[in-house]
Amino acid sequence: MKKLGGILMLMAVTGLVSPAFAQVTKEVKEGAKTVGNKAAEVGSKAKSRVTDKVYADKVGPDGQTIYIDKHSKYYWIDEKGRKKYIARTLLKDK
């Protein structure tokens, strides 16, 4: 009887803790994804500043810094660190 009571108590405690653990795990994953995206963005921008030219007179549609690669293509870096190529006609004056 004591074993059955102990098993039931263990199941009750585990049942109460599991949803909280799942919620914490989800928050940790979301936080890790946010940090990873920001690190990718900062790294991509640093690499672009070193390897490509910054277009000083123009900005992107939402005020992004525009870079010019070795093939004379214009792009900006999004929040996930990816290059988004853009036509020269869509650029705005600073």
PDB file of N, CA and C in Angstrom:
ATOM      1  N   MET A   1       0.817  -1.189   0.000  1.00  0.00           N
ATOM      2  CA  MET A   1       0.000   0.000   0.000  1.00  0.00           C
ATOM      3  C   MET A   1       0.867   1.262   0.000  1.00  0.00           C
ATOM      4  N   LYS A   2       1.982   1.231   0.730  1.00  0.00           N
ATOM      5  CA  LYS A   2       2.869   2.385   0.758  1.00  0.00           C
ATOM      6  C   LYS A   2       3.482   2.631  -0.611  1.00  0.00           C
ATOM      7  N   LYS A   3       3.808   1.541  -1.327  1.00  0.00           N
ATOM      8  CA  LYS A   3       4.373   1.703  -2.662  1.00  0.00           C
ATOM      9  C   LYS A   3       3.365   2.351  -3.600  1.00  0.00           C
ATOM     10  N   LEU A   4       2.115   1.935  -3.484  1.00  0.00           N
ATOM     11  CA  LEU A   4       1.069   2.504  -4.342  1.00  0.00           C
ATOM     12  C   LEU A   4       0.888   3.989  -4.036  1.00  0.00           C
ATOM     13  N   GLY A   5       0.901   4.353  -2.775  1.00  0.00           N
ATOM     14  CA  GLY A   5       0.789   5.753  -2.388  1.00  0.00           C
ATOM     15  C   GLY A   5       1.964   6.570  -2.892  1.00  0.00           C
ATOM     16  N   GLY A   6       3.163   6.003  -2.799  1.00  0.00           N
ATOM     17  CA  GLY A   6       4.361   6.684  -3.284  1.00  0.00           C
ATOM     18  C   GLY A   6       4.329   6.877  -4.796  1.00  0.00           C
ATOM     19  N   ILE A   7       3.863   5.859  -5.490  1.00  0.00           N
ATOM     20  CA  ILE A   7       3.766   5.942  -6.951  1.00  0.00           C
ATOM     21  C   ILE A   7       2.742   6.995  -7.345  1.00  0.00           C
ATOM     22  N   LEU A   8       1.592   7.007  -6.655  1.00  0.00           N
ATOM     23  CA  LEU A   8       0.559   8.005  -6.958  1.00  0.00           C
ATOM     24  C   LEU A   8       1.059   9.420  -6.656  1.00  0.00           C
ATOM     25  N   MET A   9       1.796   9.587  -5.568  1.00  0.00           N
ATOM     26  CA  MET A   9       2.338  10.893  -5.208  1.00  0.00           C
ATOM     27  C   MET A   9       3.345  11.353  -6.264  1.00  0.00           C
ATOM     28  N   LEU A  10       4.198  10.445  -6.721  1.00  0.00           N
ATOM     29  CA  LEU A  10       5.178  10.759  -7.751  1.00  0.00           C
ATOM     30  C   LEU A  10       4.485  11.150  -9.052  1.00  0.00           C
ATOM     31  N   MET A  11       3.433  10.445  -9.405  1.00  0.00           N
ATOM     32  CA  MET A  11       2.682  10.771 -10.620  1.00  0.00           C
ATOM     33  C   MET A  11       2.009  12.133 -10.504  1.00  0.00           C
ATOM     34  N   ALA A  12       1.482  12.458  -9.341  1.00  0.00           N
ATOM     35  CA  ALA A  12       0.821  13.747  -9.144  1.00  0.00           C
ATOM     36  C   ALA A  12       1.820  14.898  -9.258  1.00  0.00           C
ATOM     37  N   VAL A  13       2.973  14.742  -8.631  1.00  0.00           N
ATOM     38  CA  VAL A  13       3.999  15.789  -8.684  1.00  0.00           C
ATOM     39  C   VAL A  13       4.514  15.949 -10.119  1.00  0.00           C
ATOM     40  N   THR A  14       4.756  14.836 -10.775  1.00  0.00           N
ATOM     41  CA  THR A  14       5.237  14.882 -12.159  1.00  0.00           C
ATOM     42  C   THR A  14       4.195  15.519 -13.070  1.00  0.00           C
ATOM     43  N   GLY A  15       2.947  15.229 -12.847  1.00  0.00           N
ATOM     44  CA  GLY A  15       1.869  15.800 -13.661  1.00  0.00           C
ATOM     45  C   GLY A  15       1.749  17.300 -13.476  1.00  0.00           C
ATOM     46  N   LEU A  16       2.057  17.807 -12.300  1.00  0.00           N
ATOM     47  CA  LEU A  16       1.987  19.238 -12.054  1.00  0.00           C
ATOM     48  C   LEU A  16       3.201  19.967 -12.607  1.00  0.00           C
ATOM     49  N   VAL A  17       4.336  19.325 -12.627  1.00  0.00           N
ATOM     50  CA  VAL A  17       5.569  19.955 -13.056  1.00  0.00           C
ATOM     51  C   VAL A  17       5.711  19.937 -14.579  1.00  0.00           C
ATOM     52  N   SER A  18       5.205  18.937 -15.242  1.00  0.00           N
ATOM     53  CA  SER A  18       5.389  18.785 -16.690  1.00  0.00           C
ATOM     54  C   SER A  18       4.908  19.972 -17.510  1.00  0.00           C
ATOM     55  N   PRO A  19       3.699  20.521 -17.276  1.00  0.00           N
ATOM     56  CA  PRO A  19       3.283  21.671 -18.083  1.00  0.00           C
ATOM     57  C   PRO A  19       4.190  22.893 -17.881  1.00  0.00           C
ATOM     58  N   ALA A  20       4.645  23.120 -16.673  1.00  0.00           N
ATOM     59  CA  ALA A  20       5.531  24.252 -16.413  1.00  0.00           C
ATOM     60  C   ALA A  20       6.871  24.045 -17.116  1.00  0.00           C
ATOM     61  N   PHE A  21       7.362  22.824 -17.115  1.00  0.00           N
ATOM     62  CA  PHE A  21       8.622  22.527 -17.791  1.00  0.00           C
ATOM     63  C   PHE A  21       8.487  22.735 -19.294  1.00  0.00           C
ATOM     64  N   ALA A  22       7.358  22.340 -19.857  1.00  0.00           N
ATOM     65  CA  ALA A  22       7.132  22.518 -21.291  1.00  0.00           C
ATOM     66  C   ALA A  22       7.088  23.997 -21.650  1.00  0.00           C
ATOM     67  N   GLN A  23       6.468  24.808 -20.789  1.00  0.00           N
ATOM     68  CA  GLN A  23       6.383  26.244 -21.044  1.00  0.00           C
ATOM     69  C   GLN A  23       7.780  26.882 -20.979  1.00  0.00           C
ATOM     70  N   VAL A  24       8.570  26.506 -20.004  1.00  0.00           N
ATOM     71  CA  VAL A  24       9.924  27.043 -19.870  1.00  0.00           C
ATOM     72  C   VAL A  24      10.759  26.630 -21.073  1.00  0.00           C
ATOM     73  N   THR A  25      10.616  25.390 -21.517  1.00  0.00           N
ATOM     74  CA  THR A  25      11.366  24.911 -22.678  1.00  0.00           C
ATOM     75  C   THR A  25      11.018  25.723 -23.911  1.00  0.00           C
ATOM     76  N   LYS A  26       9.741  26.029 -24.096  1.00  0.00           N
ATOM     77  CA  LYS A  26       9.307  26.824 -25.248  1.00  0.00           C
ATOM     78  C   LYS A  26       9.900  28.233 -25.180  1.00  0.00           C
ATOM     79  N   GLU A  27       9.895  28.851 -24.000  1.00  0.00           N
ATOM     80  CA  GLU A  27      10.447  30.190 -23.839  1.00  0.00           C
ATOM     81  C   GLU A  27      11.949  30.200 -24.097  1.00  0.00           C
ATOM     82  N   VAL A  28      12.644  29.153 -23.678  1.00  0.00           N
ATOM     83  CA  VAL A  28      14.085  29.062 -23.906  1.00  0.00           C
ATOM     84  C   VAL A  28      14.363  28.940 -25.395  1.00  0.00           C
ATOM     85  N   LYS A  29      13.572  28.127 -26.100  1.00  0.00           N
ATOM     86  CA  LYS A  29      13.756  27.973 -27.549  1.00  0.00           C
ATOM     87  C   LYS A  29      13.519  29.297 -28.269  1.00  0.00           C
ATOM     88  N   GLU A  30      12.467  30.019 -27.888  1.00  0.00           N
ATOM     89  CA  GLU A  30      12.177  31.317 -28.511  1.00  0.00           C
ATOM     90  C   GLU A  30      13.294  32.317 -28.237  1.00  0.00           C
ATOM     91  N   GLY A  31      13.808  32.318 -27.015  1.00  0.00           N
ATOM     92  CA  GLY A  31      14.906  33.209 -26.666  1.00  0.00           C
ATOM     93  C   GLY A  31      16.173  32.873 -27.438  1.00  0.00           C
ATOM     94  N   ALA A  32      16.447  31.594 -27.578  1.00  0.00           N
ATOM     95  CA  ALA A  32      17.627  31.172 -28.331  1.00  0.00           C
ATOM     96  C   ALA A  32      17.494  31.561 -29.799  1.00  0.00           C
ATOM     97  N   LYS A  33      16.300  31.435 -30.346  1.00  0.00           N
ATOM     98  CA  LYS A  33      16.079  31.807 -31.748  1.00  0.00           C
ATOM     99  C   LYS A  33      16.286  33.310 -31.934  1.00  0.00           C
ATOM    100  N   THR A  34      15.788  34.117 -31.006  1.00  0.00           N
ATOM    101  CA  THR A  34      15.949  35.567 -31.085  1.00  0.00           C
ATOM    102  C   THR A  34      17.421  35.958 -31.022  1.00  0.00           C
ATOM    103  N   VAL A  35      18.139  35.363 -30.099  1.00  0.00           N
ATOM    104  CA  VAL A  35      19.565  35.658 -29.960  1.00  0.00           C
ATOM    105  C   VAL A  35      20.329  35.209 -31.205  1.00  0.00           C
ATOM    106  N   GLY A  36      19.990  34.052 -31.734  1.00  0.00           N
ATOM    107  CA  GLY A  36      20.647  33.554 -32.939  1.00  0.00           C
ATOM    108  C   GLY A  36      20.406  34.457 -34.140  1.00  0.00           C
ATOM    109  N   ASN A  37      19.167  34.941 -34.296  1.00  0.00           N
ATOM    110  CA  ASN A  37      18.858  35.842 -35.406  1.00  0.00           C
ATOM    111  C   ASN A  37      19.635  37.151 -35.286  1.00  0.00           C
ATOM    112  N   LYS A  38      19.712  37.689 -34.080  1.00  0.00           N
ATOM    113  CA  LYS A  38      20.435  38.943 -33.879  1.00  0.00           C
ATOM    114  C   LYS A  38      21.926  38.756 -34.148  1.00  0.00           C
ATOM    115  N   ALA A  39      22.478  37.635 -33.712  1.00  0.00           N
ATOM    116  CA  ALA A  39      23.897  37.360 -33.962  1.00  0.00           C
ATOM    117  C   ALA A  39      24.164  37.226 -35.458  1.00  0.00           C
ATOM    118  N   ALA A  40      23.258  36.574 -36.172  1.00  0.00           N
ATOM    119  CA  ALA A  40      23.416  36.431 -37.620  1.00  0.00           C
ATOM    120  C   ALA A  40      23.334  37.784 -38.310  1.00  0.00           C
ATOM    121  N   GLU A  41      22.421  38.633 -37.855  1.00  0.00           N
ATOM    122  CA  GLU A  41      22.279  39.963 -38.444  1.00  0.00           C
ATOM    123  C   GLU A  41      23.542  40.794 -38.233  1.00  0.00           C
ATOM    124  N   VAL A  42      24.042  40.824 -37.016  1.00  0.00           N
ATOM    125  CA  VAL A  42      25.235  41.610 -36.698  1.00  0.00           C
ATOM    126  C   VAL A  42      26.447  41.077 -37.461  1.00  0.00           C
ATOM    127  N   GLY A  43      26.583  39.758 -37.528  1.00  0.00           N
ATOM    128  CA  GLY A  43      27.700  39.166 -38.258  1.00  0.00           C
ATOM    129  C   GLY A  43      27.646  39.466 -39.744  1.00  0.00           C
ATOM    130  N   SER A  44      26.461  39.376 -40.327  1.00  0.00           N
ATOM    131  CA  SER A  44      26.306  39.664 -41.751  1.00  0.00           C
ATOM    132  C   SER A  44      26.594  41.127 -42.066  1.00  0.00           C
ATOM    133  N   LYS A  45      26.134  42.015 -41.202  1.00  0.00           N
ATOM    134  CA  LYS A  45      26.387  43.437 -41.422  1.00  0.00           C
ATOM    135  C   LYS A  45      27.877  43.749 -41.306  1.00  0.00           C
ATOM    136  N   ALA A  46      28.552  43.131 -40.344  1.00  0.00           N
ATOM    137  CA  ALA A  46      29.990  43.358 -40.180  1.00  0.00           C
ATOM    138  C   ALA A  46      30.753  42.852 -41.401  1.00  0.00           C
ATOM    139  N   LYS A  47      30.389  41.676 -41.893  1.00  0.00           N
ATOM    140  CA  LYS A  47      31.046  41.128 -43.080  1.00  0.00           C
ATOM    141  C   LYS A  47      30.790  42.010 -44.297  1.00  0.00           C
ATOM    142  N   SER A  48      29.572  42.487 -44.447  1.00  0.00           N
ATOM    143  CA  SER A  48      29.240  43.337 -45.594  1.00  0.00           C
ATOM    144  C   SER A  48      30.000  44.652 -45.554  1.00  0.00           C
ATOM    145  N   ARG A  49      30.169  45.231 -44.384  1.00  0.00           N
ATOM    146  CA  ARG A  49      30.913  46.488 -44.265  1.00  0.00           C
ATOM    147  C   ARG A  49      32.373  46.302 -44.659  1.00  0.00           C
ATOM    148  N   VAL A  50      32.920  45.113 -44.411  1.00  0.00           N
ATOM    149  CA  VAL A  50      34.317  44.857 -44.735  1.00  0.00           C
ATOM    150  C   VAL A  50      34.483  44.513 -46.210  1.00  0.00           C
ATOM    151  N   THR A  51      33.634  43.655 -46.734  1.00  0.00           N
ATOM    152  CA  THR A  51      33.839  43.142 -48.090  1.00  0.00           C
ATOM    153  C   THR A  51      33.183  43.982 -49.179  1.00  0.00           C
ATOM    154  N   ASP A  52      32.093  44.691 -48.878  1.00  0.00           N
ATOM    155  CA  ASP A  52      31.343  45.439 -49.885  1.00  0.00           C
ATOM    156  C   ASP A  52      31.323  46.924 -49.546  1.00  0.00           C
ATOM    157  N   LYS A  53      30.882  47.714 -50.513  1.00  0.00           N
ATOM    158  CA  LYS A  53      30.793  49.160 -50.311  1.00  0.00           C
ATOM    159  C   LYS A  53      29.444  49.529 -49.725  1.00  0.00           C
ATOM    160  N   VAL A  54      29.433  50.565 -48.885  1.00  0.00           N
ATOM    161  CA  VAL A  54      28.190  51.106 -48.351  1.00  0.00           C
ATOM    162  C   VAL A  54      27.753  52.242 -49.256  1.00  0.00           C
ATOM    163  N   TYR A  55      26.496  52.220 -49.670  1.00  0.00           N
ATOM    164  CA  TYR A  55      25.954  53.277 -50.527  1.00  0.00           C
ATOM    165  C   TYR A  55      25.550  54.430 -49.606  1.00  0.00           C
ATOM    166  N   ALA A  56      26.323  55.491 -49.597  1.00  0.00           N
ATOM    167  CA  ALA A  56      26.164  56.575 -48.629  1.00  0.00           C
ATOM    168  C   ALA A  56      24.983  57.501 -48.935  1.00  0.00           C
ATOM    169  N   ASP A  57      24.583  57.625 -50.197  1.00  0.00           N
ATOM    170  CA  ASP A  57      23.557  58.595 -50.568  1.00  0.00           C
ATOM    171  C   ASP A  57      22.139  58.046 -50.542  1.00  0.00           C
ATOM    172  N   LYS A  58      21.980  56.746 -50.487  1.00  0.00           N
ATOM    173  CA  LYS A  58      20.653  56.139 -50.572  1.00  0.00           C
ATOM    174  C   LYS A  58      20.420  55.205 -49.396  1.00  0.00           C
ATOM    175  N   VAL A  59      19.137  54.951 -49.095  1.00  0.00           N
ATOM    176  CA  VAL A  59      18.727  53.990 -48.074  1.00  0.00           C
ATOM    177  C   VAL A  59      17.648  53.092 -48.664  1.00  0.00           C
ATOM    178  N   GLY A  60      17.344  52.028 -47.966  1.00  0.00           N
ATOM    179  CA  GLY A  60      16.302  51.110 -48.400  1.00  0.00           C
ATOM    180  C   GLY A  60      14.915  51.679 -48.166  1.00  0.00           C
ATOM    181  N   PRO A  61      13.875  50.915 -48.522  1.00  0.00           N
ATOM    182  CA  PRO A  61      12.496  51.384 -48.372  1.00  0.00           C
ATOM    183  C   PRO A  61      12.128  51.765 -46.932  1.00  0.00           C
ATOM    184  N   ASP A  62      12.713  51.080 -45.958  1.00  0.00           N
ATOM    185  CA  ASP A  62      12.418  51.373 -44.550  1.00  0.00           C
ATOM    186  C   ASP A  62      13.616  51.970 -43.832  1.00  0.00           C
ATOM    187  N   GLY A  63      14.525  52.595 -44.572  1.00  0.00           N
ATOM    188  CA  GLY A  63      15.684  53.240 -43.974  1.00  0.00           C
ATOM    189  C   GLY A  63      16.871  52.331 -43.739  1.00  0.00           C
ATOM    190  N   GLN A  64      16.911  51.162 -44.363  1.00  0.00           N
ATOM    191  CA  GLN A  64      18.015  50.227 -44.182  1.00  0.00           C
ATOM    192  C   GLN A  64      19.279  50.739 -44.884  1.00  0.00           C
ATOM    193  N   THR A  65      20.417  50.335 -44.346  1.00  0.00           N
ATOM    194  CA  THR A  65      21.692  50.636 -44.981  1.00  0.00           C
ATOM    195  C   THR A  65      21.817  49.783 -46.233  1.00  0.00           C
ATOM    196  N   ILE A  66      22.239  50.394 -47.326  1.00  0.00           N
ATOM    197  CA  ILE A  66      22.369  49.687 -48.598  1.00  0.00           C
ATOM    198  C   ILE A  66      23.842  49.395 -48.863  1.00  0.00           C
ATOM    199  N   TYR A  67      24.122  48.169 -49.301  1.00  0.00           N
ATOM    200  CA  TYR A  67      25.469  47.736 -49.647  1.00  0.00           C
ATOM    201  C   TYR A  67      25.509  47.428 -51.142  1.00  0.00           C
ATOM    202  N   ILE A  68      26.709  47.561 -51.735  1.00  0.00           N
ATOM    203  CA  ILE A  68      26.916  47.245 -53.144  1.00  0.00           C
ATOM    204  C   ILE A  68      27.954  46.133 -53.207  1.00  0.00           C
ATOM    205  N   ASP A  69      27.577  44.984 -53.789  1.00  0.00           N
ATOM    206  CA  ASP A  69      28.520  43.868 -53.859  1.00  0.00           C
ATOM    207  C   ASP A  69      29.452  43.994 -55.064  1.00  0.00           C
ATOM    208  N   LYS A  70      30.318  43.009 -55.268  1.00  0.00           N
ATOM    209  CA  LYS A  70      31.320  43.080 -56.332  1.00  0.00           C
ATOM    210  C   LYS A  70      30.725  42.997 -57.730  1.00  0.00           C
ATOM    211  N   HIS A  71      29.453  42.605 -57.825  1.00  0.00           N
ATOM    212  CA  HIS A  71      28.763  42.543 -59.116  1.00  0.00           C
ATOM    213  C   HIS A  71      27.876  43.767 -59.337  1.00  0.00           C
ATOM    214  N   SER A  72      28.076  44.800 -58.524  1.00  0.00           N
ATOM    215  CA  SER A  72      27.310  46.052 -58.579  1.00  0.00           C
ATOM    216  C   SER A  72      25.816  45.840 -58.338  1.00  0.00           C
ATOM    217  N   LYS A  73      25.491  44.899 -57.479  1.00  0.00           N
ATOM    218  CA  LYS A  73      24.093  44.673 -57.088  1.00  0.00           C
ATOM    219  C   LYS A  73      23.873  45.297 -55.717  1.00  0.00           C
ATOM    220  N   TYR A  74      22.700  45.868 -55.523  1.00  0.00           N
ATOM    221  CA  TYR A  74      22.356  46.558 -54.284  1.00  0.00           C
ATOM    222  C   TYR A  74      21.584  45.607 -53.370  1.00  0.00           C
ATOM    223  N   TYR A  75      21.902  45.649 -52.075  1.00  0.00           N
ATOM    224  CA  TYR A  75      21.190  44.802 -51.113  1.00  0.00           C
ATOM    225  C   TYR A  75      21.229  45.427 -49.725  1.00  0.00           C
ATOM    226  N   TRP A  76      20.372  44.921 -48.868  1.00  0.00           N
ATOM    227  CA  TRP A  76      20.374  45.275 -47.455  1.00  0.00           C
ATOM    228  C   TRP A  76      20.265  43.989 -46.651  1.00  0.00           C
ATOM    229  N   ILE A  77      20.569  44.038 -45.370  1.00  0.00           N
ATOM    230  CA  ILE A  77      20.555  42.871 -44.491  1.00  0.00           C
ATOM    231  C   ILE A  77      19.270  42.904 -43.663  1.00  0.00           C
ATOM    232  N   ASP A  78      18.508  41.795 -43.688  1.00  0.00           N
ATOM    233  CA  ASP A  78      17.274  41.745 -42.903  1.00  0.00           C
ATOM    234  C   ASP A  78      17.560  41.336 -41.458  1.00  0.00           C
ATOM    235  N   GLU A  79      16.500  41.205 -40.656  1.00  0.00           N
ATOM    236  CA  GLU A  79      16.657  40.926 -39.220  1.00  0.00           C
ATOM    237  C   GLU A  79      17.142  39.513 -38.932  1.00  0.00           C
ATOM    238  N   LYS A  80      17.165  38.646 -39.940  1.00  0.00           N
ATOM    239  CA  LYS A  80      17.690  37.294 -39.759  1.00  0.00           C
ATOM    240  C   LYS A  80      19.077  37.124 -40.361  1.00  0.00           C
ATOM    241  N   GLY A  81      19.673  38.231 -40.830  1.00  0.00           N
ATOM    242  CA  GLY A  81      21.027  38.189 -41.357  1.00  0.00           C
ATOM    243  C   GLY A  81      21.131  37.797 -42.819  1.00  0.00           C
ATOM    244  N   ARG A  82      20.021  37.804 -43.534  1.00  0.00           N
ATOM    245  CA  ARG A  82      20.030  37.425 -44.952  1.00  0.00           C
ATOM    246  C   ARG A  82      20.099  38.651 -45.843  1.00  0.00           C
ATOM    247  N   LYS A  83      20.749  38.497 -46.998  1.00  0.00           N
ATOM    248  CA  LYS A  83      20.827  39.582 -47.969  1.00  0.00           C
ATOM    249  C   LYS A  83      19.505  39.661 -48.727  1.00  0.00           C
ATOM    250  N   LYS A  84      18.971  40.863 -48.825  1.00  0.00           N
ATOM    251  CA  LYS A  84      17.761  41.121 -49.605  1.00  0.00           C
ATOM    252  C   LYS A  84      18.146  42.069 -50.732  1.00  0.00           C
ATOM    253  N   TYR A  85      18.220  41.544 -51.934  1.00  0.00           N
ATOM    254  CA  TYR A  85      18.602  42.365 -53.088  1.00  0.00           C
ATOM    255  C   TYR A  85      17.434  43.264 -53.481  1.00  0.00           C
ATOM    256  N   ILE A  86      17.780  44.447 -53.971  1.00  0.00           N
ATOM    257  CA  ILE A  86      16.772  45.453 -54.286  1.00  0.00           C
ATOM    258  C   ILE A  86      17.190  46.183 -55.569  1.00  0.00           C
ATOM    259  N   ALA A  87      16.204  46.573 -56.350  1.00  0.00           N
ATOM    260  CA  ALA A  87      16.485  47.328 -57.574  1.00  0.00           C
ATOM    261  C   ALA A  87      16.884  48.754 -57.210  1.00  0.00           C
ATOM    262  N   ARG A  88      17.735  49.329 -58.030  1.00  0.00           N
ATOM    263  CA  ARG A  88      18.228  50.681 -57.765  1.00  0.00           C
ATOM    264  C   ARG A  88      17.074  51.695 -57.778  1.00  0.00           C
ATOM    265  N   THR A  89      16.054  51.435 -58.565  1.00  0.00           N
ATOM    266  CA  THR A  89      14.912  52.371 -58.672  1.00  0.00           C
ATOM    267  C   THR A  89      14.095  52.430 -57.392  1.00  0.00           C
ATOM    268  N   LEU A  90      14.188  51.425 -56.532  1.00  0.00           N
ATOM    269  CA  LEU A  90      13.421  51.404 -55.289  1.00  0.00           C
ATOM    270  C   LEU A  90      14.132  52.063 -54.115  1.00  0.00           C
ATOM    271  N   LEU A  91      15.355  52.506 -54.320  1.00  0.00           N
ATOM    272  CA  LEU A  91      16.118  53.151 -53.253  1.00  0.00           C
ATOM    273  C   LEU A  91      15.620  54.584 -53.046  1.00  0.00           C
ATOM    274  N   LYS A  92      15.744  55.046 -51.798  1.00  0.00           N
ATOM    275  CA  LYS A  92      15.329  56.413 -51.438  1.00  0.00           C
ATOM    276  C   LYS A  92      16.552  57.248 -51.090  1.00  0.00           C
ATOM    277  N   ASP A  93      16.436  58.559 -51.282  1.00  0.00           N
ATOM    278  CA  ASP A  93      17.507  59.459 -50.864  1.00  0.00           C
ATOM    279  C   ASP A  93      17.567  59.524 -49.354  1.00  0.00           C
ATOM    280  N   LYS A  94      18.758  59.772 -48.830  1.00  0.00           N
ATOM    281  CA  LYS A  94      18.925  59.895 -47.372  1.00  0.00           C
ATOM    282  C   LYS A  94      18.311  61.164 -46.864  1.00  0.00           C
TER     283      LYS A  94
END
